[in-house]
PDB file of N, CA and C in Angstrom:
ATOM      1  N   MET A   1      -7.489  -2.202  -6.845  1.00  0.00           N
ATOM      2  CA  MET A   1      -7.707  -2.209  -8.265  1.00  0.00           C
ATOM      3  C   MET A   1      -6.899  -3.354  -8.858  1.00  0.00           C
ATOM      4  N   THR A   2      -7.503  -4.058  -9.775  1.00  0.00           N
ATOM      5  CA  THR A   2      -6.808  -5.157 -10.427  1.00  0.00           C
ATOM      6  C   THR A   2      -6.600  -4.852 -11.900  1.00  0.00           C
ATOM      7  N   ASN A   3      -5.611  -5.506 -12.489  1.00  0.00           N
ATOM      8  CA  ASN A   3      -5.310  -5.367 -13.910  1.00  0.00           C
ATOM      9  C   ASN A   3      -5.132  -3.897 -14.303  1.00  0.00           C
ATOM     10  N   ILE A   4      -4.141  -3.263 -13.703  1.00  0.00           N
ATOM     11  CA  ILE A   4      -3.854  -1.853 -13.960  1.00  0.00           C
ATOM     12  C   ILE A   4      -3.523  -1.638 -15.432  1.00  0.00           C
ATOM     13  N   ASN A   5      -4.160  -0.658 -16.021  1.00  0.00           N
ATOM     14  CA  ASN A   5      -3.936  -0.268 -17.404  1.00  0.00           C
ATOM     15  C   ASN A   5      -2.563   0.405 -17.515  1.00  0.00           C
ATOM     16  N   PRO A   6      -1.839   0.235 -18.622  1.00  0.00           N
ATOM     17  CA  PRO A   6      -0.530   0.893 -18.764  1.00  0.00           C
ATOM     18  C   PRO A   6      -0.589   2.413 -18.592  1.00  0.00           C
ATOM     19  N   TYR A   7      -1.665   3.040 -19.045  1.00  0.00           N
ATOM     20  CA  TYR A   7      -1.796   4.490 -18.888  1.00  0.00           C
ATOM     21  C   TYR A   7      -1.951   4.864 -17.416  1.00  0.00           C
ATOM     22  N   GLN A   8      -2.727   4.074 -16.663  1.00  0.00           N
ATOM     23  CA  GLN A   8      -2.876   4.330 -15.232  1.00  0.00           C
ATOM     24  C   GLN A   8      -1.533   4.178 -14.521  1.00  0.00           C
ATOM     25  N   ALA A   9      -0.784   3.154 -14.882  1.00  0.00           N
ATOM     26  CA  ALA A   9       0.537   2.944 -14.284  1.00  0.00           C
ATOM     27  C   ALA A   9       1.458   4.117 -14.598  1.00  0.00           C
ATOM     28  N   GLN A  10       1.383   4.619 -15.813  1.00  0.00           N
ATOM     29  CA  GLN A  10       2.214   5.755 -16.207  1.00  0.00           C
ATOM     30  C   GLN A  10       1.889   6.983 -15.361  1.00  0.00           C
ATOM     31  N   LEU A  11       0.610   7.221 -15.107  1.00  0.00           N
ATOM     32  CA  LEU A  11       0.219   8.380 -14.307  1.00  0.00           C
ATOM     33  C   LEU A  11       0.701   8.264 -12.862  1.00  0.00           C
ATOM     34  N   ILE A  12       0.598   7.078 -12.298  1.00  0.00           N
ATOM     35  CA  ILE A  12       1.040   6.882 -10.917  1.00  0.00           C
ATOM     36  C   ILE A  12       2.566   6.937 -10.826  1.00  0.00           C
ATOM     37  N   ASN A  13       3.262   6.434 -11.830  1.00  0.00           N
ATOM     38  CA  ASN A  13       4.725   6.400 -11.823  1.00  0.00           C
ATOM     39  C   ASN A  13       5.371   7.724 -12.212  1.00  0.00           C
ATOM     40  N   LYS A  14       4.585   8.706 -12.564  1.00  0.00           N
ATOM     41  CA  LYS A  14       5.106   9.964 -13.103  1.00  0.00           C
ATOM     42  C   LYS A  14       6.220  10.567 -12.254  1.00  0.00           C
ATOM     43  N   TRP A  15       6.070  10.561 -10.949  1.00  0.00           N
ATOM     44  CA  TRP A  15       7.055  11.195 -10.065  1.00  0.00           C
ATOM     45  C   TRP A  15       7.807  10.176  -9.208  1.00  0.00           C
ATOM     46  N   ARG A  16       7.696   8.901  -9.518  1.00  0.00           N
ATOM     47  CA  ARG A  16       8.322   7.855  -8.717  1.00  0.00           C
ATOM     48  C   ARG A  16       9.824   7.777  -8.966  1.00  0.00           C
ATOM     49  N   LYS A  17      10.553   7.432  -7.919  1.00  0.00           N
ATOM     50  CA  LYS A  17      11.987   7.227  -8.053  1.00  0.00           C
ATOM     51  C   LYS A  17      12.399   5.839  -7.571  1.00  0.00           C
ATOM     52  N   GLY A  18      11.497   5.107  -6.948  1.00  0.00           N
ATOM     53  CA  GLY A  18      11.810   3.780  -6.416  1.00  0.00           C
ATOM     54  C   GLY A  18      11.053   2.706  -7.175  1.00  0.00           C
ATOM     55  N   ASN A  19      10.303   1.897  -6.442  1.00  0.00           N
ATOM     56  CA  ASN A  19       9.491   0.853  -7.065  1.00  0.00           C
ATOM     57  C   ASN A  19       8.439   1.464  -7.970  1.00  0.00           C
ATOM     58  N   LEU A  20       8.225   0.822  -9.107  1.00  0.00           N
ATOM     59  CA  LEU A  20       7.247   1.315 -10.070  1.00  0.00           C
ATOM     60  C   LEU A  20       6.040   0.391 -10.106  1.00  0.00           C
ATOM     61  N   LEU A  21       4.892   0.972 -10.363  1.00  0.00           N
ATOM     62  CA  LEU A  21       3.674   0.203 -10.574  1.00  0.00           C
ATOM     63  C   LEU A  21       3.706  -0.332 -11.996  1.00  0.00           C
ATOM     64  N   LEU A  22       3.621  -1.648 -12.136  1.00  0.00           N
ATOM     65  CA  LEU A  22       3.698  -2.278 -13.454  1.00  0.00           C
ATOM     66  C   LEU A  22       2.307  -2.502 -14.022  1.00  0.00           C
ATOM     67  N   PRO A  23       2.156  -2.346 -15.324  1.00  0.00           N
ATOM     68  CA  PRO A  23       0.864  -2.644 -15.953  1.00  0.00           C
ATOM     69  C   PRO A  23       0.459  -4.090 -15.694  1.00  0.00           C
ATOM     70  N   LYS A  24      -0.837  -4.327 -15.626  1.00  0.00           N
ATOM     71  CA  LYS A  24      -1.459  -5.640 -15.406  1.00  0.00           C
ATOM     72  C   LYS A  24      -1.254  -6.178 -13.997  1.00  0.00           C
ATOM     73  N   SER A  25      -0.728  -5.353 -13.080  1.00  0.00           N
ATOM     74  CA  SER A  25      -0.615  -5.776 -11.680  1.00  0.00           C
ATOM     75  C   SER A  25      -1.821  -5.229 -10.916  1.00  0.00           C
ATOM     76  N   SER A  26      -1.868  -5.531  -9.631  1.00  0.00           N
ATOM     77  CA  SER A  26      -2.950  -5.039  -8.779  1.00  0.00           C
ATOM     78  C   SER A  26      -2.415  -3.949  -7.873  1.00  0.00           C
ATOM     79  N   LEU A  27      -3.282  -3.060  -7.439  1.00  0.00           N
ATOM     80  CA  LEU A  27      -2.897  -1.943  -6.579  1.00  0.00           C
ATOM     81  C   LEU A  27      -3.876  -1.844  -5.420  1.00  0.00           C
ATOM     82  N   PHE A  28      -3.325  -1.644  -4.224  1.00  0.00           N
ATOM     83  CA  PHE A  28      -4.126  -1.426  -3.018  1.00  0.00           C
ATOM     84  C   PHE A  28      -3.650  -0.129  -2.392  1.00  0.00           C
ATOM     85  N   VAL A  29      -4.586   0.737  -2.029  1.00  0.00           N
ATOM     86  CA  VAL A  29      -4.259   2.002  -1.374  1.00  0.00           C
ATOM     87  C   VAL A  29      -4.913   2.007  -0.009  1.00  0.00           C
ATOM     88  N   LEU A  30      -4.103   2.231   1.024  1.00  0.00           N
ATOM     89  CA  LEU A  30      -4.584   2.296   2.402  1.00  0.00           C
ATOM     90  C   LEU A  30      -4.363   3.708   2.909  1.00  0.00           C
ATOM     91  N   GLU A  31      -5.387   4.277   3.513  1.00  0.00           N
ATOM     92  CA  GLU A  31      -5.278   5.600   4.123  1.00  0.00           C
ATOM     93  C   GLU A  31      -5.522   5.454   5.611  1.00  0.00           C
ATOM     94  N   ALA A  32      -4.656   6.079   6.410  1.00  0.00           N
ATOM     95  CA  ALA A  32      -4.776   5.956   7.864  1.00  0.00           C
ATOM     96  C   ALA A  32      -4.488   7.297   8.522  1.00  0.00           C
ATOM     97  N   THR A  33      -5.030   7.451   9.701  1.00  0.00           N
ATOM     98  CA  THR A  33      -4.750   8.620  10.510  1.00  0.00           C
ATOM     99  C   THR A  33      -4.418   8.146  11.915  1.00  0.00           C
ATOM    100  N   PRO A  34      -3.410   8.606  12.561  1.00  0.00           N
ATOM    101  CA  PRO A  34      -2.380   9.537  12.103  1.00  0.00           C
ATOM    102  C   PRO A  34      -1.501   8.924  11.010  1.00  0.00           C
ATOM    103  N   ALA A  35      -0.834   9.790  10.297  1.00  0.00           N
ATOM    104  CA  ALA A  35      -0.091   9.386   9.111  1.00  0.00           C
ATOM    105  C   ALA A  35       0.987   8.347   9.394  1.00  0.00           C
ATOM    106  N   ALA A  36       1.605   8.397  10.541  1.00  0.00           N
ATOM    107  CA  ALA A  36       2.706   7.482  10.855  1.00  0.00           C
ATOM    108  C   ALA A  36       2.265   6.028  10.897  1.00  0.00           C
ATOM    109  N   TYR A  37       0.988   5.756  11.074  1.00  0.00           N
ATOM    110  CA  TYR A  37       0.498   4.385  11.145  1.00  0.00           C
ATOM    111  C   TYR A  37       0.694   3.622   9.847  1.00  0.00           C
ATOM    112  N   VAL A  38       0.798   4.319   8.718  1.00  0.00           N
ATOM    113  CA  VAL A  38       0.964   3.598   7.457  1.00  0.00           C
ATOM    114  C   VAL A  38       2.335   2.927   7.376  1.00  0.00           C
ATOM    115  N   THR A  39       3.317   3.423   8.107  1.00  0.00           N
ATOM    116  CA  THR A  39       4.625   2.764   8.103  1.00  0.00           C
ATOM    117  C   THR A  39       4.533   1.392   8.766  1.00  0.00           C
ATOM    118  N   LEU A  40       3.794   1.313   9.866  1.00  0.00           N
ATOM    119  CA  LEU A  40       3.561   0.028  10.529  1.00  0.00           C
ATOM    120  C   LEU A  40       2.790  -0.911   9.603  1.00  0.00           C
ATOM    121  N   ALA A  41       1.762  -0.396   8.967  1.00  0.00           N
ATOM    122  CA  ALA A  41       0.952  -1.215   8.062  1.00  0.00           C
ATOM    123  C   ALA A  41       1.784  -1.717   6.883  1.00  0.00           C
ATOM    124  N   GLY A  42       2.642  -0.882   6.342  1.00  0.00           N
ATOM    125  CA  GLY A  42       3.504  -1.282   5.233  1.00  0.00           C
ATOM    126  C   GLY A  42       4.497  -2.354   5.639  1.00  0.00           C
ATOM    127  N   ASN A  43       5.036  -2.240   6.838  1.00  0.00           N
ATOM    128  CA  ASN A  43       5.966  -3.242   7.347  1.00  0.00           C
ATOM    129  C   ASN A  43       5.288  -4.598   7.471  1.00  0.00           C
ATOM    130  N   GLU A  44       4.083  -4.615   8.041  1.00  0.00           N
ATOM    131  CA  GLU A  44       3.349  -5.870   8.192  1.00  0.00           C
ATOM    132  C   GLU A  44       2.922  -6.442   6.847  1.00  0.00           C
ATOM    133  N   ALA A  45       2.598  -5.581   5.902  1.00  0.00           N
ATOM    134  CA  ALA A  45       2.216  -6.046   4.562  1.00  0.00           C
ATOM    135  C   ALA A  45       3.393  -6.733   3.879  1.00  0.00           C
ATOM    136  N   GLU A  46       4.588  -6.166   4.005  1.00  0.00           N
ATOM    137  CA  GLU A  46       5.770  -6.770   3.393  1.00  0.00           C
ATOM    138  C   GLU A  46       6.115  -8.116   4.028  1.00  0.00           C
ATOM    139  N   LYS A  47       5.873  -8.238   5.325  1.00  0.00           N
ATOM    140  CA  LYS A  47       6.138  -9.511   5.998  1.00  0.00           C
ATOM    141  C   LYS A  47       5.172 -10.598   5.544  1.00  0.00           C
ATOM    142  N   ALA A  48       3.955 -10.209   5.220  1.00  0.00           N
ATOM    143  CA  ALA A  48       2.903 -11.182   4.908  1.00  0.00           C
ATOM    144  C   ALA A  48       2.910 -11.669   3.465  1.00  0.00           C
ATOM    145  N   ALA A  49       3.450 -10.894   2.550  1.00  0.00           N
ATOM    146  CA  ALA A  49       3.352 -11.270   1.132  1.00  0.00           C
ATOM    147  C   ALA A  49       4.499 -10.675   0.328  1.00  0.00           C
ATOM    148  N   ASN A  50       4.699 -11.228  -0.854  1.00  0.00           N
ATOM    149  CA  ASN A  50       5.735 -10.747  -1.768  1.00  0.00           C
ATOM    150  C   ASN A  50       5.137  -9.621  -2.626  1.00  0.00           C
ATOM    151  N   ILE A  51       5.200  -8.411  -2.108  1.00  0.00           N
ATOM    152  CA  ILE A  51       4.590  -7.253  -2.774  1.00  0.00           C
ATOM    153  C   ILE A  51       5.633  -6.155  -2.938  1.00  0.00           C
ATOM    154  N   SER A  52       5.271  -5.111  -3.665  1.00  0.00           N
ATOM    155  CA  SER A  52       6.115  -3.923  -3.801  1.00  0.00           C
ATOM    156  C   SER A  52       5.429  -2.765  -3.119  1.00  0.00           C
ATOM    157  N   LEU A  53       6.171  -2.063  -2.290  1.00  0.00           N
ATOM    158  CA  LEU A  53       5.650  -0.823  -1.714  1.00  0.00           C
ATOM    159  C   LEU A  53       5.919   0.275  -2.737  1.00  0.00           C
ATOM    160  N   ILE A  54       4.877   0.734  -3.365  1.00  0.00           N
ATOM    161  CA  ILE A  54       5.023   1.754  -4.394  1.00  0.00           C
ATOM    162  C   ILE A  54       5.274   3.114  -3.758  1.00  0.00           C
ATOM    163  N   GLU A  55       4.538   3.411  -2.707  1.00  0.00           N
ATOM    164  CA  GLU A  55       4.720   4.700  -2.040  1.00  0.00           C
ATOM    165  C   GLU A  55       4.181   4.629  -0.621  1.00  0.00           C
ATOM    166  N   VAL A  56       4.881   5.305   0.266  1.00  0.00           N
ATOM    167  CA  VAL A  56       4.440   5.461   1.652  1.00  0.00           C
ATOM    168  C   VAL A  56       4.478   6.952   1.939  1.00  0.00           C
ATOM    169  N   ARG A  57       3.314   7.543   2.140  1.00  0.00           N
ATOM    170  CA  ARG A  57       3.216   8.974   2.480  1.00  0.00           C
ATOM    171  C   ARG A  57       2.817   9.073   3.947  1.00  0.00           C
ATOM    172  N   ALA A  58       3.814   9.265   4.793  1.00  0.00           N
ATOM    173  CA  ALA A  58       3.565   9.293   6.229  1.00  0.00           C
ATOM    174  C   ALA A  58       3.743  10.698   6.799  1.00  0.00           C
ATOM    175  N   VAL A  59       3.359  11.698   6.028  1.00  0.00           N
ATOM    176  CA  VAL A  59       3.498  13.087   6.458  1.00  0.00           C
ATOM    177  C   VAL A  59       2.131  13.745   6.413  1.00  0.00           C
ATOM    178  N   GLY A  60       1.836  14.527   7.438  1.00  0.00           N
ATOM    179  CA  GLY A  60       0.563  15.232   7.480  1.00  0.00           C
ATOM    180  C   GLY A  60      -0.438  14.515   8.355  1.00  0.00           C
ATOM    181  N   ARG A  61      -1.675  14.871   8.198  1.00  0.00           N
ATOM    182  CA  ARG A  61      -2.728  14.298   9.024  1.00  0.00           C
ATOM    183  C   ARG A  61      -3.084  12.874   8.604  1.00  0.00           C
ATOM    184  N   PHE A  62      -3.171  12.645   7.302  1.00  0.00           N
ATOM    185  CA  PHE A  62      -3.519  11.332   6.764  1.00  0.00           C
ATOM    186  C   PHE A  62      -2.310  10.736   6.057  1.00  0.00           C
ATOM    187  N   GLY A  63      -2.069   9.450   6.284  1.00  0.00           N
ATOM    188  CA  GLY A  63      -0.997   8.752   5.587  1.00  0.00           C
ATOM    189  C   GLY A  63      -1.586   7.839   4.537  1.00  0.00           C
ATOM    190  N   ARG A  64      -0.839   7.630   3.462  1.00  0.00           N
ATOM    191  CA  ARG A  64      -1.296   6.739   2.398  1.00  0.00           C
ATOM    192  C   ARG A  64      -0.210   5.736   2.066  1.00  0.00           C
ATOM    193  N   LEU A  65      -0.647   4.510   1.846  1.00  0.00           N
ATOM    194  CA  LEU A  65       0.238   3.405   1.515  1.00  0.00           C
ATOM    195  C   LEU A  65      -0.235   2.802   0.201  1.00  0.00           C
ATOM    196  N   PHE A  66       0.665   2.691  -0.771  1.00  0.00           N
ATOM    197  CA  PHE A  66       0.362   2.115  -2.081  1.00  0.00           C
ATOM    198  C   PHE A  66       1.124   0.802  -2.205  1.00  0.00           C
ATOM    199  N   ILE A  67       0.406  -0.302  -2.395  1.00  0.00           N
ATOM    200  CA  ILE A  67       0.980  -1.639  -2.492  1.00  0.00           C
ATOM    201  C   ILE A  67       0.622  -2.220  -3.848  1.00  0.00           C
ATOM    202  N   SER A  68       1.591  -2.891  -4.506  1.00  0.00           N
ATOM    203  CA  SER A  68       1.277  -3.547  -5.777  1.00  0.00           C
ATOM    204  C   SER A  68       1.886  -4.946  -5.818  1.00  0.00           C
ATOM    205  N   GLY A  69       1.354  -5.744  -6.719  1.00  0.00           N
ATOM    206  CA  GLY A  69       1.812  -7.116  -6.919  1.00  0.00           C
ATOM    207  C   GLY A  69       0.722  -7.914  -7.603  1.00  0.00           C
ATOM    208  N   THR A  70       0.803  -9.228  -7.469  1.00  0.00           N
ATOM    209  CA  THR A  70      -0.258 -10.056  -8.025  1.00  0.00           C
ATOM    210  C   THR A  70      -1.508  -9.879  -7.167  1.00  0.00           C
ATOM    211  N   GLU A  71      -2.640 -10.244  -7.729  1.00  0.00           N
ATOM    212  CA  GLU A  71      -3.904 -10.038  -7.017  1.00  0.00           C
ATOM    213  C   GLU A  71      -3.937 -10.784  -5.687  1.00  0.00           C
ATOM    214  N   SER A  72      -3.491 -12.024  -5.662  1.00  0.00           N
ATOM    215  CA  SER A  72      -3.525 -12.801  -4.421  1.00  0.00           C
ATOM    216  C   SER A  72      -2.540 -12.261  -3.387  1.00  0.00           C
ATOM    217  N   GLU A  73      -1.366 -11.840  -3.835  1.00  0.00           N
ATOM    218  CA  GLU A  73      -0.373 -11.286  -2.908  1.00  0.00           C
ATOM    219  C   GLU A  73      -0.835  -9.948  -2.331  1.00  0.00           C
ATOM    220  N   VAL A  74      -1.425  -9.122  -3.163  1.00  0.00           N
ATOM    221  CA  VAL A  74      -1.927  -7.828  -2.691  1.00  0.00           C
ATOM    222  C   VAL A  74      -3.067  -8.027  -1.702  1.00  0.00           C
ATOM    223  N   GLU A  75      -3.910  -8.995  -1.957  1.00  0.00           N
ATOM    224  CA  GLU A  75      -5.015  -9.278  -1.041  1.00  0.00           C
ATOM    225  C   GLU A  75      -4.492  -9.735   0.323  1.00  0.00           C
ATOM    226  N   ALA A  76      -3.493 -10.607   0.321  1.00  0.00           N
ATOM    227  CA  ALA A  76      -2.907 -11.075   1.584  1.00  0.00           C
ATOM    228  C   ALA A  76      -2.216  -9.933   2.324  1.00  0.00           C
ATOM    229  N   ALA A  77      -1.500  -9.099   1.586  1.00  0.00           N
ATOM    230  CA  ALA A  77      -0.812  -7.958   2.201  1.00  0.00           C
ATOM    231  C   ALA A  77      -1.808  -6.951   2.766  1.00  0.00           C
ATOM    232  N   ALA A  78      -2.895  -6.719   2.047  1.00  0.00           N
ATOM    233  CA  ALA A  78      -3.916  -5.776   2.515  1.00  0.00           C
ATOM    234  C   ALA A  78      -4.547  -6.266   3.810  1.00  0.00           C
ATOM    235  N   LYS A  79      -4.840  -7.557   3.874  1.00  0.00           N
ATOM    236  CA  LYS A  79      -5.419  -8.111   5.101  1.00  0.00           C
ATOM    237  C   LYS A  79      -4.465  -7.950   6.275  1.00  0.00           C
ATOM    238  N   ALA A  80      -3.172  -8.202   6.050  1.00  0.00           N
ATOM    239  CA  ALA A  80      -2.175  -8.063   7.118  1.00  0.00           C
ATOM    240  C   ALA A  80      -2.034  -6.606   7.556  1.00  0.00           C
ATOM    241  N   ALA A  81      -2.043  -5.684   6.605  1.00  0.00           N
ATOM    242  CA  ALA A  81      -1.904  -4.260   6.928  1.00  0.00           C
ATOM    243  C   ALA A  81      -3.101  -3.771   7.735  1.00  0.00           C
ATOM    244  N   ILE A  82      -4.287  -4.143   7.326  1.00  0.00           N
ATOM    245  CA  ILE A  82      -5.499  -3.726   8.041  1.00  0.00           C
ATOM    246  C   ILE A  82      -5.549  -4.349   9.426  1.00  0.00           C
ATOM    247  N   ALA A  83      -5.168  -5.625   9.516  1.00  0.00           N
ATOM    248  CA  ALA A  83      -5.175  -6.306  10.823  1.00  0.00           C
ATOM    249  C   ALA A  83      -4.196  -5.648  11.794  1.00  0.00           C
ATOM    250  N   SER A  84      -3.041  -5.205  11.281  1.00  0.00           N
ATOM    251  CA  SER A  84      -2.062  -4.562  12.160  1.00  0.00           C
ATOM    252  C   SER A  84      -2.595  -3.249  12.722  1.00  0.00           C
ATOM    253  N   LEU A  85      -3.365  -2.530  11.933  1.00  0.00           N
ATOM    254  CA  LEU A  85      -3.939  -1.268  12.420  1.00  0.00           C
ATOM    255  C   LEU A  85      -5.101  -1.512  13.375  1.00  0.00           C
ATOM    256  N   GLU A  86      -5.857  -2.574  13.139  1.00  0.00           N
ATOM    257  CA  GLU A  86      -6.976  -2.878  14.013  1.00  0.00           C
ATOM    258  C   GLU A  86      -6.511  -3.337  15.393  1.00  0.00           C
ATOM    259  N   GLN A  87      -5.305  -3.875  15.498  1.00  0.00           N
ATOM    260  CA  GLN A  87      -4.766  -4.349  16.769  1.00  0.00           C
ATOM    261  C   GLN A  87      -4.216  -3.229  17.644  1.00  0.00           C
ATOM    262  N   LEU A  88      -4.039  -2.055  17.085  1.00  0.00           N
ATOM    263  CA  LEU A  88      -3.497  -0.944  17.858  1.00  0.00           C
ATOM    264  C   LEU A  88      -4.491  -0.486  18.917  1.00  0.00           C
ATOM    265  N   GLY A  89      -3.977  -0.154  20.071  1.00  0.00           N
ATOM    266  CA  GLY A  89      -4.831   0.335  21.148  1.00  0.00           C
ATOM    267  C   GLY A  89      -5.060   1.840  21.045  1.00  0.00           C
ATOM    268  N   GLY A  90      -5.844   2.360  21.974  1.00  0.00           N
ATOM    269  CA  GLY A  90      -6.056   3.802  22.029  1.00  0.00           C
ATOM    270  C   GLY A  90      -7.228   4.319  21.233  1.00  0.00           C
ATOM    271  N   ARG A  91      -8.012   3.431  20.657  1.00  0.00           N
ATOM    272  CA  ARG A  91      -9.181   3.878  19.912  1.00  0.00           C
ATOM    273  C   ARG A  91     -10.415   3.653  20.758  1.00  0.00           C
ATOM    274  N   GLU A  92     -11.391   4.461  20.551  1.00  0.00           N
ATOM    275  CA  GLU A  92     -12.642   4.321  21.310  1.00  0.00           C
ATOM    276  C   GLU A  92     -13.667   3.527  20.545  1.00  0.00           C
TER     277      GLU A  92
END
């Protein structure tokens, strides 16, 4: 999502204690299974671009990763995160 509305940012930030989603920034949400894979994806995303990890939910069956920043930085981080998961072995 690009150009986050201030109200949308407020809803996402409601329970946040760390990095906050800022209005007018971009947001990328990645969901992966097993949940622990989102930690690897988040690490690779941070290496690839200057982004903020808004939230990493690595508990349960599905993990979710929330990344924010400028549109170009989020796009680069998303590509790196997806590529890191695609390189993992063990899939049929």
